[in-house]
Amino acid sequence: MKKILTVLVCIIIVQLAKAQVQKGSLFLGGSLSIGSNSYESFSTTNKNSSWSISPQVGKAIDLNKIIGMQIFIGGNLEES
């Protein structure tokens, strides 16, 4: 499964490298991340949870030149 995923990611990267962005094109993107961790230290159990969201928007001002912005919002919770 890991080999298939690795090959798929490589194919996507190669295709993106050959892509041309035309003037006037709109770019929308972003990322979402959620994480959780639990560990024991000196007989105390610690829990850590985090999340983040990062939307992106941009517009092509010329061939392969995009201007835009990205906002990052995230949070973290620690319990001992």
N, C-alpha and C. Protein backbone atom coordinates (compact mmCIF):
# COMPACT_ATOMS: atom_id res chain seq x y z
N MET A 1 0.82 -1.19 0.00
CA MET A 1 0.00 0.00 0.00
C MET A 1 0.87 1.27 0.00
N LYS A 2 1.97 1.23 0.79
CA LYS A 2 2.85 2.40 0.84
C LYS A 2 3.51 2.66 -0.52
N LYS A 3 3.86 1.59 -1.24
CA LYS A 3 4.49 1.77 -2.54
C LYS A 3 3.51 2.40 -3.53
N ILE A 4 2.26 1.96 -3.50
CA ILE A 4 1.25 2.52 -4.39
C ILE A 4 1.05 4.00 -4.09
N LEU A 5 0.95 4.34 -2.81
CA LEU A 5 0.76 5.74 -2.41
C LEU A 5 1.96 6.58 -2.82
N THR A 6 3.17 6.07 -2.64
CA THR A 6 4.37 6.80 -3.02
C THR A 6 4.41 7.06 -4.52
N VAL A 7 4.09 6.05 -5.31
CA VAL A 7 4.07 6.20 -6.77
C VAL A 7 3.01 7.22 -7.17
N LEU A 8 1.83 7.15 -6.55
CA LEU A 8 0.75 8.09 -6.87
C LEU A 8 1.16 9.53 -6.55
N VAL A 9 1.79 9.75 -5.41
CA VAL A 9 2.25 11.09 -5.04
C VAL A 9 3.30 11.59 -6.03
N CYS A 10 4.22 10.73 -6.44
CA CYS A 10 5.25 11.13 -7.42
C CYS A 10 4.62 11.51 -8.76
N ILE A 11 3.62 10.76 -9.20
CA ILE A 11 2.94 11.08 -10.46
C ILE A 11 2.26 12.43 -10.37
N ILE A 12 1.59 12.69 -9.25
CA ILE A 12 0.89 13.97 -9.07
C ILE A 12 1.90 15.12 -9.08
N ILE A 13 3.02 14.96 -8.40
CA ILE A 13 4.03 16.02 -8.35
C ILE A 13 4.58 16.32 -9.75
N VAL A 14 4.84 15.28 -10.53
CA VAL A 14 5.35 15.48 -11.89
C VAL A 14 4.31 16.21 -12.73
N GLN A 15 3.05 15.84 -12.62
CA GLN A 15 2.00 16.50 -13.40
C GLN A 15 1.85 17.96 -12.99
N LEU A 16 1.95 18.25 -11.69
CA LEU A 16 1.83 19.63 -11.23
C LEU A 16 3.01 20.47 -11.71
N ALA A 17 4.18 19.87 -11.80
CA ALA A 17 5.36 20.60 -12.26
C ALA A 17 5.22 21.04 -13.71
N LYS A 18 4.44 20.30 -14.49
CA LYS A 18 4.24 20.64 -15.90
C LYS A 18 3.04 21.55 -16.12
N ALA A 19 2.30 21.87 -15.08
CA ALA A 19 1.08 22.66 -15.22
C ALA A 19 1.39 24.12 -15.54
N GLN A 20 0.51 24.74 -16.32
CA GLN A 20 0.60 26.16 -16.66
C GLN A 20 -0.61 26.86 -16.07
N VAL A 21 -0.39 27.94 -15.35
CA VAL A 21 -1.48 28.72 -14.76
C VAL A 21 -1.71 29.94 -15.65
N GLN A 22 -2.90 30.05 -16.21
CA GLN A 22 -3.23 31.14 -17.12
C GLN A 22 -3.62 32.40 -16.35
N LYS A 23 -3.38 33.56 -16.95
CA LYS A 23 -3.73 34.84 -16.36
C LYS A 23 -5.24 34.88 -16.11
N GLY A 24 -5.63 35.37 -14.91
CA GLY A 24 -7.03 35.49 -14.55
C GLY A 24 -7.59 34.27 -13.83
N SER A 25 -6.82 33.18 -13.74
CA SER A 25 -7.29 31.98 -13.06
C SER A 25 -7.39 32.22 -11.56
N LEU A 26 -8.38 31.60 -10.94
CA LEU A 26 -8.59 31.70 -9.49
C LEU A 26 -8.04 30.45 -8.83
N PHE A 27 -7.31 30.62 -7.74
CA PHE A 27 -6.72 29.51 -7.01
C PHE A 27 -7.37 29.43 -5.64
N LEU A 28 -7.91 28.27 -5.29
CA LEU A 28 -8.46 28.02 -3.97
C LEU A 28 -7.79 26.77 -3.41
N GLY A 29 -7.42 26.82 -2.15
CA GLY A 29 -6.77 25.66 -1.55
C GLY A 29 -6.77 25.78 -0.04
N GLY A 30 -6.05 24.92 0.58
CA GLY A 30 -5.95 24.97 2.02
C GLY A 30 -5.53 23.65 2.61
N SER A 31 -5.50 23.63 3.93
CA SER A 31 -5.15 22.40 4.63
C SER A 31 -5.91 22.32 5.95
N LEU A 32 -6.07 21.10 6.41
CA LEU A 32 -6.74 20.81 7.67
C LEU A 32 -5.90 19.78 8.40
N SER A 33 -5.67 20.01 9.69
CA SER A 33 -4.84 19.10 10.47
C SER A 33 -5.47 18.87 11.83
N ILE A 34 -5.50 17.61 12.25
CA ILE A 34 -6.00 17.25 13.58
C ILE A 34 -5.02 16.24 14.16
N GLY A 35 -4.63 16.44 15.41
CA GLY A 35 -3.67 15.53 16.03
C GLY A 35 -3.98 15.29 17.49
N SER A 36 -3.54 14.14 17.98
CA SER A 36 -3.74 13.78 19.38
C SER A 36 -2.56 12.93 19.83
N ASN A 37 -2.12 13.13 21.07
CA ASN A 37 -0.98 12.40 21.59
C ASN A 37 -1.19 12.18 23.08
N SER A 38 -0.77 11.02 23.56
CA SER A 38 -0.85 10.71 24.99
C SER A 38 0.47 10.05 25.39
N TYR A 39 1.04 10.50 26.49
CA TYR A 39 2.30 9.92 26.95
C TYR A 39 2.38 10.00 28.47
N GLU A 40 3.24 9.17 29.04
CA GLU A 40 3.40 9.11 30.49
C GLU A 40 4.79 9.61 30.85
N SER A 41 4.84 10.52 31.83
CA SER A 41 6.11 11.09 32.28
C SER A 41 6.08 11.18 33.80
N PHE A 42 7.02 10.54 34.45
CA PHE A 42 7.08 10.53 35.91
C PHE A 42 5.74 10.14 36.53
N SER A 43 5.18 9.05 36.07
CA SER A 43 3.91 8.46 36.52
C SER A 43 2.72 9.41 36.37
N THR A 44 2.83 10.40 35.52
CA THR A 44 1.72 11.30 35.20
C THR A 44 1.40 11.14 33.72
N THR A 45 0.12 10.92 33.43
CA THR A 45 -0.30 10.78 32.04
C THR A 45 -0.63 12.16 31.48
N ASN A 46 -0.01 12.50 30.38
CA ASN A 46 -0.24 13.78 29.71
C ASN A 46 -0.94 13.54 28.38
N LYS A 47 -1.92 14.37 28.08
CA LYS A 47 -2.64 14.28 26.81
C LYS A 47 -2.52 15.61 26.08
N ASN A 48 -2.32 15.53 24.79
CA ASN A 48 -2.17 16.73 23.98
C ASN A 48 -3.02 16.58 22.73
N SER A 49 -3.87 17.55 22.46
CA SER A 49 -4.69 17.55 21.25
C SER A 49 -4.47 18.88 20.53
N SER A 50 -4.41 18.83 19.20
CA SER A 50 -4.22 20.06 18.44
C SER A 50 -5.01 19.99 17.14
N TRP A 51 -5.30 21.14 16.59
CA TRP A 51 -6.01 21.24 15.31
C TRP A 51 -5.57 22.52 14.61
N SER A 52 -5.71 22.53 13.30
CA SER A 52 -5.43 23.75 12.54
C SER A 52 -6.17 23.69 11.20
N ILE A 53 -6.49 24.86 10.71
CA ILE A 53 -7.10 25.00 9.40
C ILE A 53 -6.43 26.19 8.73
N SER A 54 -6.16 26.06 7.44
CA SER A 54 -5.42 27.10 6.74
C SER A 54 -5.98 27.27 5.32
N PRO A 55 -7.00 28.12 5.15
CA PRO A 55 -7.52 28.35 3.80
C PRO A 55 -6.61 29.28 3.00
N GLN A 56 -6.61 29.08 1.67
CA GLN A 56 -5.79 29.89 0.76
C GLN A 56 -6.64 30.34 -0.41
N VAL A 57 -6.37 31.54 -0.90
CA VAL A 57 -7.03 32.05 -2.10
C VAL A 57 -6.02 32.90 -2.87
N GLY A 58 -6.09 32.83 -4.18
CA GLY A 58 -5.17 33.61 -5.00
C GLY A 58 -5.71 33.79 -6.40
N LYS A 59 -5.11 34.72 -7.13
CA LYS A 59 -5.49 34.98 -8.51
C LYS A 59 -4.23 35.13 -9.34
N ALA A 60 -4.24 34.51 -10.52
CA ALA A 60 -3.08 34.59 -11.42
C ALA A 60 -3.06 35.96 -12.08
N ILE A 61 -1.97 36.70 -11.87
CA ILE A 61 -1.84 38.04 -12.45
C ILE A 61 -1.11 38.01 -13.78
N ASP A 62 -0.43 36.90 -14.04
CA ASP A 62 0.30 36.70 -15.30
C ASP A 62 0.52 35.20 -15.44
N LEU A 63 1.09 34.76 -16.52
CA LEU A 63 1.35 33.35 -16.73
C LEU A 63 2.25 32.82 -15.62
N ASN A 64 1.76 31.85 -14.85
CA ASN A 64 2.47 31.20 -13.75
C ASN A 64 2.85 32.13 -12.60
N LYS A 65 2.17 33.28 -12.45
CA LYS A 65 2.42 34.19 -11.33
C LYS A 65 1.10 34.42 -10.60
N ILE A 66 1.06 33.98 -9.33
CA ILE A 66 -0.17 34.07 -8.54
C ILE A 66 0.08 34.97 -7.35
N ILE A 67 -0.87 35.83 -7.06
CA ILE A 67 -0.84 36.66 -5.86
C ILE A 67 -2.05 36.24 -5.03
N GLY A 68 -1.85 36.12 -3.73
CA GLY A 68 -2.95 35.67 -2.89
C GLY A 68 -2.61 35.78 -1.42
N MET A 69 -3.44 35.10 -0.62
CA MET A 69 -3.23 35.15 0.82
C MET A 69 -3.61 33.81 1.44
N GLN A 70 -3.08 33.60 2.65
CA GLN A 70 -3.34 32.39 3.41
C GLN A 70 -3.55 32.80 4.86
N ILE A 71 -4.55 32.21 5.50
CA ILE A 71 -4.84 32.48 6.90
C ILE A 71 -4.64 31.19 7.67
N PHE A 72 -3.98 31.26 8.82
CA PHE A 72 -3.76 30.08 9.66
C PHE A 72 -4.52 30.26 10.96
N ILE A 73 -5.34 29.28 11.30
CA ILE A 73 -6.08 29.27 12.57
C ILE A 73 -5.83 27.92 13.21
N GLY A 74 -5.48 27.91 14.48
CA GLY A 74 -5.21 26.64 15.14
C GLY A 74 -5.38 26.72 16.64
N GLY A 75 -5.41 25.57 17.26
CA GLY A 75 -5.55 25.51 18.70
C GLY A 75 -4.84 24.29 19.26
N ASN A 76 -4.56 24.34 20.56
CA ASN A 76 -3.85 23.27 21.24
C ASN A 76 -4.42 23.13 22.65
N LEU A 77 -4.61 21.90 23.11
CA LEU A 77 -5.11 21.63 24.45
C LEU A 77 -4.22 20.60 25.11
N GLU A 78 -3.71 20.93 26.30
CA GLU A 78 -2.87 20.00 27.04
C GLU A 78 -3.53 19.69 28.38
N GLU A 79 -3.54 18.40 28.72
CA GLU A 79 -4.08 17.96 30.01
C GLU A 79 -3.03 17.12 30.72
N SER A 80 -2.90 17.34 32.03
CA SER A 80 -1.95 16.54 32.82
C SER A 80 -2.69 15.69 33.82
